[in-house]
PDB file of N, CA and C in Angstrom:
ATOM      1  N   MET A   1     -74.663  34.679 -32.574  1.00  0.00           N
ATOM      2  CA  MET A   1     -75.730  34.502 -33.543  1.00  0.00           C
ATOM      3  C   MET A   1     -76.444  35.854 -33.703  1.00  0.00           C
ATOM      4  N   ASN A   2     -76.560  36.313 -34.919  1.00  0.00           N
ATOM      5  CA  ASN A   2     -77.285  37.558 -35.145  1.00  0.00           C
ATOM      6  C   ASN A   2     -78.738  37.268 -35.526  1.00  0.00           C
ATOM      7  N   LYS A   3     -79.505  38.321 -35.786  1.00  0.00           N
ATOM      8  CA  LYS A   3     -80.938  38.182 -36.042  1.00  0.00           C
ATOM      9  C   LYS A   3     -81.206  37.298 -37.261  1.00  0.00           C
ATOM     10  N   ASN A   4     -80.466  37.515 -38.367  1.00  0.00           N
ATOM     11  CA  ASN A   4     -80.694  36.716 -39.580  1.00  0.00           C
ATOM     12  C   ASN A   4     -80.373  35.248 -39.356  1.00  0.00           C
ATOM     13  N   GLU A   5     -79.323  34.963 -38.608  1.00  0.00           N
ATOM     14  CA  GLU A   5     -78.965  33.576 -38.301  1.00  0.00           C
ATOM     15  C   GLU A   5     -80.028  32.935 -37.421  1.00  0.00           C
ATOM     16  N   LEU A   6     -80.580  33.713 -36.490  1.00  0.00           N
ATOM     17  CA  LEU A   6     -81.655  33.200 -35.651  1.00  0.00           C
ATOM     18  C   LEU A   6     -82.891  32.881 -36.476  1.00  0.00           C
ATOM     19  N   ILE A   7     -83.263  33.776 -37.375  1.00  0.00           N
ATOM     20  CA  ILE A   7     -84.422  33.555 -38.238  1.00  0.00           C
ATOM     21  C   ILE A   7     -84.231  32.290 -39.069  1.00  0.00           C
ATOM     22  N   THR A   8     -83.043  32.114 -39.648  1.00  0.00           N
ATOM     23  CA  THR A   8     -82.767  30.937 -40.450  1.00  0.00           C
ATOM     24  C   THR A   8     -82.855  29.673 -39.615  1.00  0.00           C
ATOM     25  N   ALA A   9     -82.277  29.681 -38.422  1.00  0.00           N
ATOM     26  CA  ALA A   9     -82.283  28.482 -37.550  1.00  0.00           C
ATOM     27  C   ALA A   9     -83.718  28.134 -37.127  1.00  0.00           C
ATOM     28  N   VAL A  10     -84.497  29.124 -36.751  1.00  0.00           N
ATOM     29  CA  VAL A  10     -85.879  28.864 -36.326  1.00  0.00           C
ATOM     30  C   VAL A  10     -86.708  28.362 -37.508  1.00  0.00           C
ATOM     31  N   ALA A  11     -86.506  28.952 -38.694  1.00  0.00           N
ATOM     32  CA  ALA A  11     -87.239  28.525 -39.880  1.00  0.00           C
ATOM     33  C   ALA A  11     -86.934  27.057 -40.201  1.00  0.00           C
ATOM     34  N   GLU A  12     -85.664  26.669 -40.133  1.00  0.00           N
ATOM     35  CA  GLU A  12     -85.300  25.274 -40.421  1.00  0.00           C
ATOM     36  C   GLU A  12     -85.856  24.312 -39.378  1.00  0.00           C
ATOM     37  N   LYS A  13     -85.823  24.714 -38.112  1.00  0.00           N
ATOM     38  CA  LYS A  13     -86.278  23.837 -37.036  1.00  0.00           C
ATOM     39  C   LYS A  13     -87.816  23.687 -37.039  1.00  0.00           C
ATOM     40  N   SER A  14     -88.538  24.766 -37.405  1.00  0.00           N
ATOM     41  CA  SER A  14     -90.000  24.757 -37.336  1.00  0.00           C
ATOM     42  C   SER A  14     -90.664  24.364 -38.642  1.00  0.00           C
ATOM     43  N   GLY A  15     -89.913  24.432 -39.761  1.00  0.00           N
ATOM     44  CA  GLY A  15     -90.521  24.127 -41.057  1.00  0.00           C
ATOM     45  C   GLY A  15     -91.274  25.307 -41.645  1.00  0.00           C
ATOM     46  N   LEU A  16     -91.195  26.471 -41.018  1.00  0.00           N
ATOM     47  CA  LEU A  16     -91.857  27.658 -41.529  1.00  0.00           C
ATOM     48  C   LEU A  16     -90.927  28.369 -42.519  1.00  0.00           C
ATOM     49  N   THR A  17     -91.482  29.297 -43.282  1.00  0.00           N
ATOM     50  CA  THR A  17     -90.654  30.080 -44.199  1.00  0.00           C
ATOM     51  C   THR A  17     -89.883  31.122 -43.391  1.00  0.00           C
ATOM     52  N   LYS A  18     -88.826  31.628 -43.990  1.00  0.00           N
ATOM     53  CA  LYS A  18     -88.043  32.665 -43.301  1.00  0.00           C
ATOM     54  C   LYS A  18     -88.888  33.925 -43.114  1.00  0.00           C
ATOM     55  N   LYS A  19     -89.740  34.226 -44.090  1.00  0.00           N
ATOM     56  CA  LYS A  19     -90.595  35.407 -43.999  1.00  0.00           C
ATOM     57  C   LYS A  19     -91.583  35.299 -42.829  1.00  0.00           C
ATOM     58  N   ASP A  20     -92.208  34.140 -42.676  1.00  0.00           N
ATOM     59  CA  ASP A  20     -93.121  33.927 -41.565  1.00  0.00           C
ATOM     60  C   ASP A  20     -92.386  33.946 -40.230  1.00  0.00           C
ATOM     61  N   THR A  21     -91.210  33.345 -40.200  1.00  0.00           N
ATOM     62  CA  THR A  21     -90.401  33.332 -38.980  1.00  0.00           C
ATOM     63  C   THR A  21     -90.006  34.747 -38.585  1.00  0.00           C
ATOM     64  N   GLU A  22     -89.647  35.567 -39.565  1.00  0.00           N
ATOM     65  CA  GLU A  22     -89.270  36.956 -39.269  1.00  0.00           C
ATOM     66  C   GLU A  22     -90.442  37.719 -38.690  1.00  0.00           C
ATOM     67  N   LYS A  23     -91.664  37.477 -39.217  1.00  0.00           N
ATOM     68  CA  LYS A  23     -92.872  38.132 -38.692  1.00  0.00           C
ATOM     69  C   LYS A  23     -93.110  37.717 -37.241  1.00  0.00           C
ATOM     70  N   ILE A  24     -92.932  36.431 -36.964  1.00  0.00           N
ATOM     71  CA  ILE A  24     -93.142  35.918 -35.604  1.00  0.00           C
ATOM     72  C   ILE A  24     -92.118  36.526 -34.636  1.00  0.00           C
ATOM     73  N   LEU A  25     -90.862  36.560 -35.021  1.00  0.00           N
ATOM     74  CA  LEU A  25     -89.825  37.132 -34.167  1.00  0.00           C
ATOM     75  C   LEU A  25     -90.067  38.630 -33.919  1.00  0.00           C
ATOM     76  N   LYS A  26     -90.483  39.341 -34.962  1.00  0.00           N
ATOM     77  CA  LYS A  26     -90.782  40.757 -34.816  1.00  0.00           C
ATOM     78  C   LYS A  26     -91.962  40.966 -33.853  1.00  0.00           C
ATOM     79  N   ALA A  27     -93.007  40.155 -34.006  1.00  0.00           N
ATOM     80  CA  ALA A  27     -94.175  40.246 -33.141  1.00  0.00           C
ATOM     81  C   ALA A  27     -93.781  39.950 -31.694  1.00  0.00           C
ATOM     82  N   PHE A  28     -92.943  38.936 -31.493  1.00  0.00           N
ATOM     83  CA  PHE A  28     -92.488  38.589 -30.157  1.00  0.00           C
ATOM     84  C   PHE A  28     -91.765  39.749 -29.496  1.00  0.00           C
ATOM     85  N   THR A  29     -90.801  40.354 -30.203  1.00  0.00           N
ATOM     86  CA  THR A  29     -90.044  41.460 -29.618  1.00  0.00           C
ATOM     87  C   THR A  29     -90.943  42.658 -29.338  1.00  0.00           C
ATOM     88  N   GLU A  30     -91.912  42.928 -30.227  1.00  0.00           N
ATOM     89  CA  GLU A  30     -92.832  44.043 -29.996  1.00  0.00           C
ATOM     90  C   GLU A  30     -93.690  43.804 -28.769  1.00  0.00           C
ATOM     91  N   ILE A  31     -94.182  42.589 -28.597  1.00  0.00           N
ATOM     92  CA  ILE A  31     -95.052  42.283 -27.459  1.00  0.00           C
ATOM     93  C   ILE A  31     -94.276  42.369 -26.162  1.00  0.00           C
ATOM     94  N   VAL A  32     -93.050  41.844 -26.134  1.00  0.00           N
ATOM     95  CA  VAL A  32     -92.225  41.921 -24.924  1.00  0.00           C
ATOM     96  C   VAL A  32     -91.933  43.394 -24.608  1.00  0.00           C
ATOM     97  N   THR A  33     -91.602  44.176 -25.615  1.00  0.00           N
ATOM     98  CA  THR A  33     -91.298  45.588 -25.418  1.00  0.00           C
ATOM     99  C   THR A  33     -92.501  46.329 -24.855  1.00  0.00           C
ATOM    100  N   GLU A  34     -93.692  46.106 -25.423  1.00  0.00           N
ATOM    101  CA  GLU A  34     -94.903  46.769 -24.957  1.00  0.00           C
ATOM    102  C   GLU A  34     -95.201  46.403 -23.503  1.00  0.00           C
ATOM    103  N   GLU A  35     -95.057  45.134 -23.153  1.00  0.00           N
ATOM    104  CA  GLU A  35     -95.341  44.680 -21.793  1.00  0.00           C
ATOM    105  C   GLU A  35     -94.353  45.313 -20.798  1.00  0.00           C
ATOM    106  N   LEU A  36     -93.082  45.377 -21.171  1.00  0.00           N
ATOM    107  CA  LEU A  36     -92.085  45.984 -20.283  1.00  0.00           C
ATOM    108  C   LEU A  36     -92.313  47.486 -20.141  1.00  0.00           C
ATOM    109  N   LYS A  37     -92.755  48.159 -21.194  1.00  0.00           N
ATOM    110  CA  LYS A  37     -93.081  49.586 -21.107  1.00  0.00           C
ATOM    111  C   LYS A  37     -94.167  49.826 -20.082  1.00  0.00           C
ATOM    112  N   LYS A  38     -95.135  48.893 -20.009  1.00  0.00           N
ATOM    113  CA  LYS A  38     -96.238  49.024 -19.056  1.00  0.00           C
ATOM    114  C   LYS A  38     -95.810  48.679 -17.628  1.00  0.00           C
ATOM    115  N   GLY A  39     -94.577  48.190 -17.479  1.00  0.00           N
ATOM    116  CA  GLY A  39     -94.093  47.811 -16.158  1.00  0.00           C
ATOM    117  C   GLY A  39     -94.347  46.367 -15.809  1.00  0.00           C
ATOM    118  N   GLY A  40     -94.867  45.587 -16.755  1.00  0.00           N
ATOM    119  CA  GLY A  40     -95.137  44.178 -16.507  1.00  0.00           C
ATOM    120  C   GLY A  40     -93.936  43.329 -16.750  1.00  0.00           C
ATOM    121  N   LYS A  41     -94.164  42.018 -16.778  1.00  0.00           N
ATOM    122  CA  LYS A  41     -93.074  41.098 -17.085  1.00  0.00           C
ATOM    123  C   LYS A  41     -93.604  39.984 -17.963  1.00  0.00           C
ATOM    124  N   VAL A  42     -92.697  39.341 -18.691  1.00  0.00           N
ATOM    125  CA  VAL A  42     -93.032  38.230 -19.574  1.00  0.00           C
ATOM    126  C   VAL A  42     -92.276  37.015 -19.055  1.00  0.00           C
ATOM    127  N   GLN A  43     -93.012  36.008 -18.616  1.00  0.00           N
ATOM    128  CA  GLN A  43     -92.398  34.828 -18.024  1.00  0.00           C
ATOM    129  C   GLN A  43     -92.629  33.632 -18.924  1.00  0.00           C
ATOM    130  N   MET A  44     -91.549  32.973 -19.289  1.00  0.00           N
ATOM    131  CA  MET A  44     -91.607  31.775 -20.102  1.00  0.00           C
ATOM    132  C   MET A  44     -90.992  30.653 -19.266  1.00  0.00           C
ATOM    133  N   VAL A  45     -91.853  29.810 -18.709  1.00  0.00           N
ATOM    134  CA  VAL A  45     -91.407  28.766 -17.774  1.00  0.00           C
ATOM    135  C   VAL A  45     -90.367  27.885 -18.472  1.00  0.00           C
ATOM    136  N   GLY A  46     -89.257  27.671 -17.812  1.00  0.00           N
ATOM    137  CA  GLY A  46     -88.180  26.844 -18.342  1.00  0.00           C
ATOM    138  C   GLY A  46     -87.154  27.625 -19.134  1.00  0.00           C
ATOM    139  N   PHE A  47     -87.523  28.803 -19.634  1.00  0.00           N
ATOM    140  CA  PHE A  47     -86.592  29.614 -20.414  1.00  0.00           C
ATOM    141  C   PHE A  47     -86.101  30.810 -19.598  1.00  0.00           C
ATOM    142  N   GLY A  48     -87.043  31.626 -19.141  1.00  0.00           N
ATOM    143  CA  GLY A  48     -86.646  32.758 -18.316  1.00  0.00           C
ATOM    144  C   GLY A  48     -87.712  33.837 -18.266  1.00  0.00           C
ATOM    145  N   THR A  49     -87.352  34.962 -17.621  1.00  0.00           N
ATOM    146  CA  THR A  49     -88.296  36.048 -17.406  1.00  0.00           C
ATOM    147  C   THR A  49     -87.681  37.371 -17.857  1.00  0.00           C
ATOM    148  N   PHE A  50     -88.444  38.102 -18.633  1.00  0.00           N
ATOM    149  CA  PHE A  50     -88.089  39.468 -19.000  1.00  0.00           C
ATOM    150  C   PHE A  50     -88.834  40.397 -18.067  1.00  0.00           C
ATOM    151  N   GLU A  51     -88.118  41.325 -17.427  1.00  0.00           N
ATOM    152  CA  GLU A  51     -88.770  42.270 -16.535  1.00  0.00           C
ATOM    153  C   GLU A  51     -88.025  43.594 -16.528  1.00  0.00           C
ATOM    154  N   VAL A  52     -88.588  44.574 -15.821  1.00  0.00           N
ATOM    155  CA  VAL A  52     -87.995  45.898 -15.743  1.00  0.00           C
ATOM    156  C   VAL A  52     -87.345  46.082 -14.393  1.00  0.00           C
ATOM    157  N   SER A  53     -86.137  46.605 -14.398  1.00  0.00           N
ATOM    158  CA  SER A  53     -85.391  46.894 -13.176  1.00  0.00           C
ATOM    159  C   SER A  53     -85.388  48.404 -12.968  1.00  0.00           C
ATOM    160  N   GLU A  54     -85.750  48.826 -11.773  1.00  0.00           N
ATOM    161  CA  GLU A  54     -85.759  50.243 -11.434  1.00  0.00           C
ATOM    162  C   GLU A  54     -84.391  50.642 -10.881  1.00  0.00           C
ATOM    163  N   ARG A  55     -83.804  51.683 -11.430  1.00  0.00           N
ATOM    164  CA  ARG A  55     -82.534  52.189 -10.938  1.00  0.00           C
ATOM    165  C   ARG A  55     -82.767  53.533 -10.262  1.00  0.00           C
ATOM    166  N   ALA A  56     -82.367  53.656  -9.042  1.00  0.00           N
ATOM    167  CA  ALA A  56     -82.573  54.896  -8.265  1.00  0.00           C
ATOM    168  C   ALA A  56     -81.602  55.982  -8.725  1.00  0.00           C
ATOM    169  N   ALA A  57     -81.978  57.222  -8.497  1.00  0.00           N
ATOM    170  CA  ALA A  57     -81.086  58.339  -8.775  1.00  0.00           C
ATOM    171  C   ALA A  57     -79.902  58.246  -7.829  1.00  0.00           C
ATOM    172  N   ARG A  58     -78.735  58.616  -8.313  1.00  0.00           N
ATOM    173  CA  ARG A  58     -77.549  58.512  -7.464  1.00  0.00           C
ATOM    174  C   ARG A  58     -76.494  59.507  -7.941  1.00  0.00           C
ATOM    175  N   ASP A  59     -75.466  59.673  -7.154  1.00  0.00           N
ATOM    176  CA  ASP A  59     -74.359  60.535  -7.557  1.00  0.00           C
ATOM    177  C   ASP A  59     -73.262  59.675  -8.160  1.00  0.00           C
ATOM    178  N   GLY A  60     -72.713  60.151  -9.274  1.00  0.00           N
ATOM    179  CA  GLY A  60     -71.623  59.454  -9.945  1.00  0.00           C
ATOM    180  C   GLY A  60     -70.455  60.398 -10.140  1.00  0.00           C
ATOM    181  N   ARG A  61     -69.497  59.984 -10.898  1.00  0.00           N
ATOM    182  CA  ARG A  61     -68.325  60.815 -11.178  1.00  0.00           C
ATOM    183  C   ARG A  61     -68.066  60.835 -12.676  1.00  0.00           C
ATOM    184  N   ASN A  62     -67.699  62.016 -13.163  1.00  0.00           N
ATOM    185  CA  ASN A  62     -67.305  62.156 -14.558  1.00  0.00           C
ATOM    186  C   ASN A  62     -65.944  61.446 -14.696  1.00  0.00           C
ATOM    187  N   PRO A  63     -65.841  60.434 -15.592  1.00  0.00           N
ATOM    188  CA  PRO A  63     -64.585  59.685 -15.682  1.00  0.00           C
ATOM    189  C   PRO A  63     -63.386  60.520 -16.171  1.00  0.00           C
ATOM    190  N   ARG A  64     -63.651  61.573 -16.915  1.00  0.00           N
ATOM    191  CA  ARG A  64     -62.537  62.405 -17.413  1.00  0.00           C
ATOM    192  C   ARG A  64     -62.020  63.359 -16.353  1.00  0.00           C
ATOM    193  N   THR A  65     -62.941  64.013 -15.665  1.00  0.00           N
ATOM    194  CA  THR A  65     -62.527  65.056 -14.738  1.00  0.00           C
ATOM    195  C   THR A  65     -62.566  64.623 -13.286  1.00  0.00           C
ATOM    196  N   GLY A  66     -63.338  63.575 -12.983  1.00  0.00           N
ATOM    197  CA  GLY A  66     -63.462  63.130 -11.602  1.00  0.00           C
ATOM    198  C   GLY A  66     -64.479  63.950 -10.801  1.00  0.00           C
ATOM    199  N   GLU A  67     -65.127  64.920 -11.468  1.00  0.00           N
ATOM    200  CA  GLU A  67     -66.109  65.758 -10.770  1.00  0.00           C
ATOM    201  C   GLU A  67     -67.383  64.970 -10.505  1.00  0.00           C
ATOM    202  N   PRO A  68     -68.006  65.209  -9.343  1.00  0.00           N
ATOM    203  CA  PRO A  68     -69.283  64.544  -9.046  1.00  0.00           C
ATOM    204  C   PRO A  68     -70.376  65.052  -9.984  1.00  0.00           C
ATOM    205  N   MET A  69     -71.267  64.150 -10.353  1.00  0.00           N
ATOM    206  CA  MET A  69     -72.382  64.530 -11.222  1.00  0.00           C
ATOM    207  C   MET A  69     -73.589  63.668 -10.875  1.00  0.00           C
ATOM    208  N   PRO A  70     -74.799  64.236 -10.969  1.00  0.00           N
ATOM    209  CA  PRO A  70     -75.993  63.445 -10.665  1.00  0.00           C
ATOM    210  C   PRO A  70     -76.329  62.492 -11.810  1.00  0.00           C
ATOM    211  N   ILE A  71     -76.776  61.299 -11.463  1.00  0.00           N
ATOM    212  CA  ILE A  71     -77.271  60.342 -12.435  1.00  0.00           C
ATOM    213  C   ILE A  71     -78.763  60.160 -12.143  1.00  0.00           C
ATOM    214  N   GLU A  72     -79.577  60.406 -13.152  1.00  0.00           N
ATOM    215  CA  GLU A  72     -81.040  60.348 -12.977  1.00  0.00           C
ATOM    216  C   GLU A  72     -81.518  58.907 -12.777  1.00  0.00           C
ATOM    217  N   ALA A  73     -82.672  58.789 -12.147  1.00  0.00           N
ATOM    218  CA  ALA A  73     -83.313  57.480 -11.998  1.00  0.00           C
ATOM    219  C   ALA A  73     -83.707  56.983 -13.379  1.00  0.00           C
ATOM    220  N   SER A  74     -83.687  55.683 -13.569  1.00  0.00           N
ATOM    221  CA  SER A  74     -84.047  55.116 -14.864  1.00  0.00           C
ATOM    222  C   SER A  74     -84.623  53.713 -14.702  1.00  0.00           C
ATOM    223  N   ARG A  75     -85.171  53.229 -15.794  1.00  0.00           N
ATOM    224  CA  ARG A  75     -85.684  51.857 -15.829  1.00  0.00           C
ATOM    225  C   ARG A  75     -84.898  51.116 -16.911  1.00  0.00           C
ATOM    226  N   ALA A  76     -84.534  49.866 -16.630  1.00  0.00           N
ATOM    227  CA  ALA A  76     -83.761  49.082 -17.584  1.00  0.00           C
ATOM    228  C   ALA A  76     -84.362  47.689 -17.732  1.00  0.00           C
ATOM    229  N   PRO A  77     -84.372  47.158 -18.955  1.00  0.00           N
ATOM    230  CA  PRO A  77     -84.870  45.788 -19.140  1.00  0.00           C
ATOM    231  C   PRO A  77     -83.875  44.797 -18.555  1.00  0.00           C
ATOM    232  N   LYS A  78     -84.404  43.687 -18.049  1.00  0.00           N
ATOM    233  CA  LYS A  78     -83.578  42.678 -17.422  1.00  0.00           C
ATOM    234  C   LYS A  78     -84.102  41.304 -17.816  1.00  0.00           C
ATOM    235  N   PHE A  79     -83.191  40.363 -18.017  1.00  0.00           N
ATOM    236  CA  PHE A  79     -83.588  38.971 -18.323  1.00  0.00           C
ATOM    237  C   PHE A  79     -82.989  38.087 -17.248  1.00  0.00           C
ATOM    238  N   LYS A  80     -83.832  37.250 -16.664  1.00  0.00           N
ATOM    239  CA  LYS A  80     -83.374  36.277 -15.673  1.00  0.00           C
ATOM    240  C   LYS A  80     -83.612  34.881 -16.246  1.00  0.00           C
ATOM    241  N   ALA A  81     -82.545  34.117 -16.424  1.00  0.00           N
ATOM    242  CA  ALA A  81     -82.637  32.794 -16.992  1.00  0.00           C
ATOM    243  C   ALA A  81     -83.373  31.854 -16.052  1.00  0.00           C
ATOM    244  N   GLY A  82     -84.195  30.976 -16.631  1.00  0.00           N
ATOM    245  CA  GLY A  82     -84.917  29.978 -15.861  1.00  0.00           C
ATOM    246  C   GLY A  82     -84.036  28.776 -15.547  1.00  0.00           C
ATOM    247  N   LYS A  83     -84.510  27.928 -14.645  1.00  0.00           N
ATOM    248  CA  LYS A  83     -83.747  26.780 -14.189  1.00  0.00           C
ATOM    249  C   LYS A  83     -83.407  25.823 -15.339  1.00  0.00           C
ATOM    250  N   ALA A  84     -84.367  25.533 -16.207  1.00  0.00           N
ATOM    251  CA  ALA A  84     -84.137  24.591 -17.307  1.00  0.00           C
ATOM    252  C   ALA A  84     -83.046  25.115 -18.246  1.00  0.00           C
ATOM    253  N   LEU A  85     -83.034  26.421 -18.519  1.00  0.00           N
ATOM    254  CA  LEU A  85     -82.017  26.993 -19.378  1.00  0.00           C
ATOM    255  C   LEU A  85     -80.647  26.924 -18.696  1.00  0.00           C
ATOM    256  N   LYS A  86     -80.601  27.247 -17.419  1.00  0.00           N
ATOM    257  CA  LYS A  86     -79.334  27.154 -16.670  1.00  0.00           C
ATOM    258  C   LYS A  86     -78.808  25.720 -16.676  1.00  0.00           C
ATOM    259  N   ASP A  87     -79.713  24.773 -16.440  1.00  0.00           N
ATOM    260  CA  ASP A  87     -79.294  23.373 -16.396  1.00  0.00           C
ATOM    261  C   ASP A  87     -78.790  22.893 -17.770  1.00  0.00           C
ATOM    262  N   ALA A  88     -79.423  23.353 -18.835  1.00  0.00           N
ATOM    263  CA  ALA A  88     -79.016  22.955 -20.186  1.00  0.00           C
ATOM    264  C   ALA A  88     -77.623  23.478 -20.528  1.00  0.00           C
ATOM    265  N   ILE A  89     -77.292  24.648 -20.022  1.00  0.00           N
ATOM    266  CA  ILE A  89     -75.988  25.250 -20.302  1.00  0.00           C
ATOM    267  C   ILE A  89     -74.893  24.599 -19.483  1.00  0.00           C
ATOM    268  N   ASN A  90     -75.209  24.258 -18.254  1.00  0.00           N
ATOM    269  CA  ASN A  90     -74.212  23.644 -17.368  1.00  0.00           C
ATOM    270  C   ASN A  90     -74.251  22.177 -17.570  1.00  0.00           C
TER     271      ASN A  90
END
């Protein structure tokens, strides 16, 4: 499902217009992004948690040459599914 299909599905299920649904989805993604930038997390009970994962600096290898190369520390977004979502899928 892509973004447009998601907007259409949410609009049909909620009775809102596609334009309003698109605004809501955009606001949701912006809010989650801002919170993760600050190092926080967004927890939606029953659905899951969006949080930031810290990756330490480490040594890696260049896949072409096999030479060792340093990989810098980084932060990556992570989603952990909640129990209700896991149960619904299984």
